[in-house]
Amino acid sequence: ERNMISGMIGDIYITVEGGPGVSQEARAAYARGAVVVPLMRTGGASDGMFNFPQGALQKPSLCTEEQWALLKSKDAPVEQSATAAAAF
């Protein structure tokens, strides 16, 4: 229940790794039109597991190609990926 409520209150969600609960929050948020930004490099739900919303794994319009690449890349320096995520 907490996961569903959490998914109903924000406008932008940045997910880090996660399991079924993170995926449930992301699905609820995405379904109501919130922007979901997964830090895919961290794996788990944020990389598409646990029925994470597939649309949220596509680059949102408010994100540059460079930022999106940093959110995805396991090889990019962590500091750069964190800076990209914080830009939202």
Protein backbone atom coordinates (compact mmCIF):
# COMPACT_ATOMS: atom_id res chain seq x y z
CA GLU A 1 0.00 0.00 0.00
CA ARG A 2 2.83 2.41 0.84
CA ASN A 3 4.35 1.81 -2.60
CA MET A 4 1.11 2.74 -4.33
CA ILE A 5 0.76 5.90 -2.23
CA SER A 6 4.38 6.89 -2.90
CA GLY A 7 3.72 6.48 -6.61
CA MET A 8 0.82 8.90 -6.44
CA ILE A 9 2.47 11.99 -4.94
CA GLY A 10 5.50 13.08 -7.00
CA ASP A 11 6.01 14.70 -10.37
CA ILE A 12 9.48 13.29 -11.06
CA TYR A 13 10.80 9.99 -9.71
CA ILE A 14 14.46 9.01 -9.85
CA THR A 15 14.88 5.32 -9.14
CA VAL A 16 18.05 3.62 -7.95
CA GLU A 17 18.34 -0.16 -8.26
CA GLY A 18 15.36 -1.59 -6.38
CA GLY A 19 13.13 -4.59 -6.27
CA PRO A 20 9.42 -5.23 -6.72
CA GLY A 21 8.47 -2.29 -4.48
CA VAL A 22 10.42 0.24 -6.52
CA SER A 23 8.90 -1.19 -9.67
CA GLN A 24 5.39 -0.91 -8.20
CA GLU A 25 5.99 2.75 -7.28
CA ALA A 26 7.39 3.46 -10.74
CA ARG A 27 4.40 1.80 -12.45
CA ALA A 28 1.94 3.84 -10.38
CA ALA A 29 3.82 7.09 -11.06
CA TYR A 30 4.28 6.40 -14.77
CA ALA A 31 0.64 5.39 -15.21
CA ARG A 32 -0.52 8.78 -13.94
CA GLY A 33 1.91 10.72 -16.13
CA ALA A 34 4.79 11.44 -13.76
CA VAL A 35 8.30 11.41 -15.21
CA VAL A 36 10.22 8.32 -14.06
CA VAL A 37 14.00 8.54 -14.46
CA PRO A 38 15.72 5.22 -13.75
CA LEU A 39 19.40 5.17 -12.85
CA MET A 40 19.72 2.08 -15.05
CA ARG A 41 23.40 1.55 -14.28
CA THR A 42 22.41 0.38 -10.80
CA GLY A 43 20.53 -2.68 -12.04
CA GLY A 44 17.45 -4.26 -10.50
CA ALA A 45 14.08 -2.62 -11.10
CA SER A 46 15.79 0.51 -12.43
CA ASP A 47 17.23 -1.58 -15.25
CA GLY A 48 13.88 -3.09 -16.24
CA MET A 49 13.40 -5.97 -13.81
CA PHE A 50 10.22 -6.73 -11.82
CA ASN A 51 7.80 -5.41 -14.45
CA PHE A 52 9.29 -1.90 -14.39
CA PRO A 53 7.32 0.30 -16.83
CA GLN A 54 8.96 -0.13 -20.24
CA GLY A 55 8.07 3.41 -21.28
CA ALA A 56 10.14 4.74 -18.39
CA LEU A 57 13.19 3.02 -19.86
CA GLN A 58 13.00 5.40 -22.83
CA LYS A 59 14.70 8.82 -22.71
CA PRO A 60 12.28 11.47 -21.42
CA SER A 61 12.07 14.73 -23.38
CA LEU A 62 13.52 16.76 -20.52
CA CYS A 63 16.75 14.74 -20.63
CA THR A 64 19.67 15.26 -23.01
CA GLU A 65 21.25 12.35 -24.87
CA GLU A 66 24.41 12.85 -22.80
CA GLN A 67 22.51 12.73 -19.49
CA TRP A 68 20.62 9.62 -20.60
CA ALA A 69 23.86 7.89 -21.58
CA LEU A 70 25.31 8.65 -18.14
CA LEU A 71 22.25 7.21 -16.40
CA LYS A 72 22.64 3.99 -18.40
CA SER A 73 26.41 3.46 -18.49
CA LYS A 74 28.01 1.18 -15.93
CA ASP A 75 31.38 2.45 -17.19
CA ALA A 76 30.78 6.17 -16.63
CA PRO A 77 32.23 7.67 -13.45
CA VAL A 78 29.65 7.53 -10.65
CA GLU A 79 30.05 11.26 -10.02
CA GLN A 80 29.01 12.03 -13.59
CA SER A 81 25.97 9.75 -13.42
CA ALA A 82 24.96 11.33 -10.11
CA THR A 83 25.29 14.80 -11.62
CA ALA A 84 23.12 13.74 -14.55
CA ALA A 85 20.45 12.40 -12.19
CA ALA A 86 20.57 15.53 -10.02
CA ALA A 87 19.89 17.70 -13.07
CA PHE A 88 16.24 16.67 -12.91
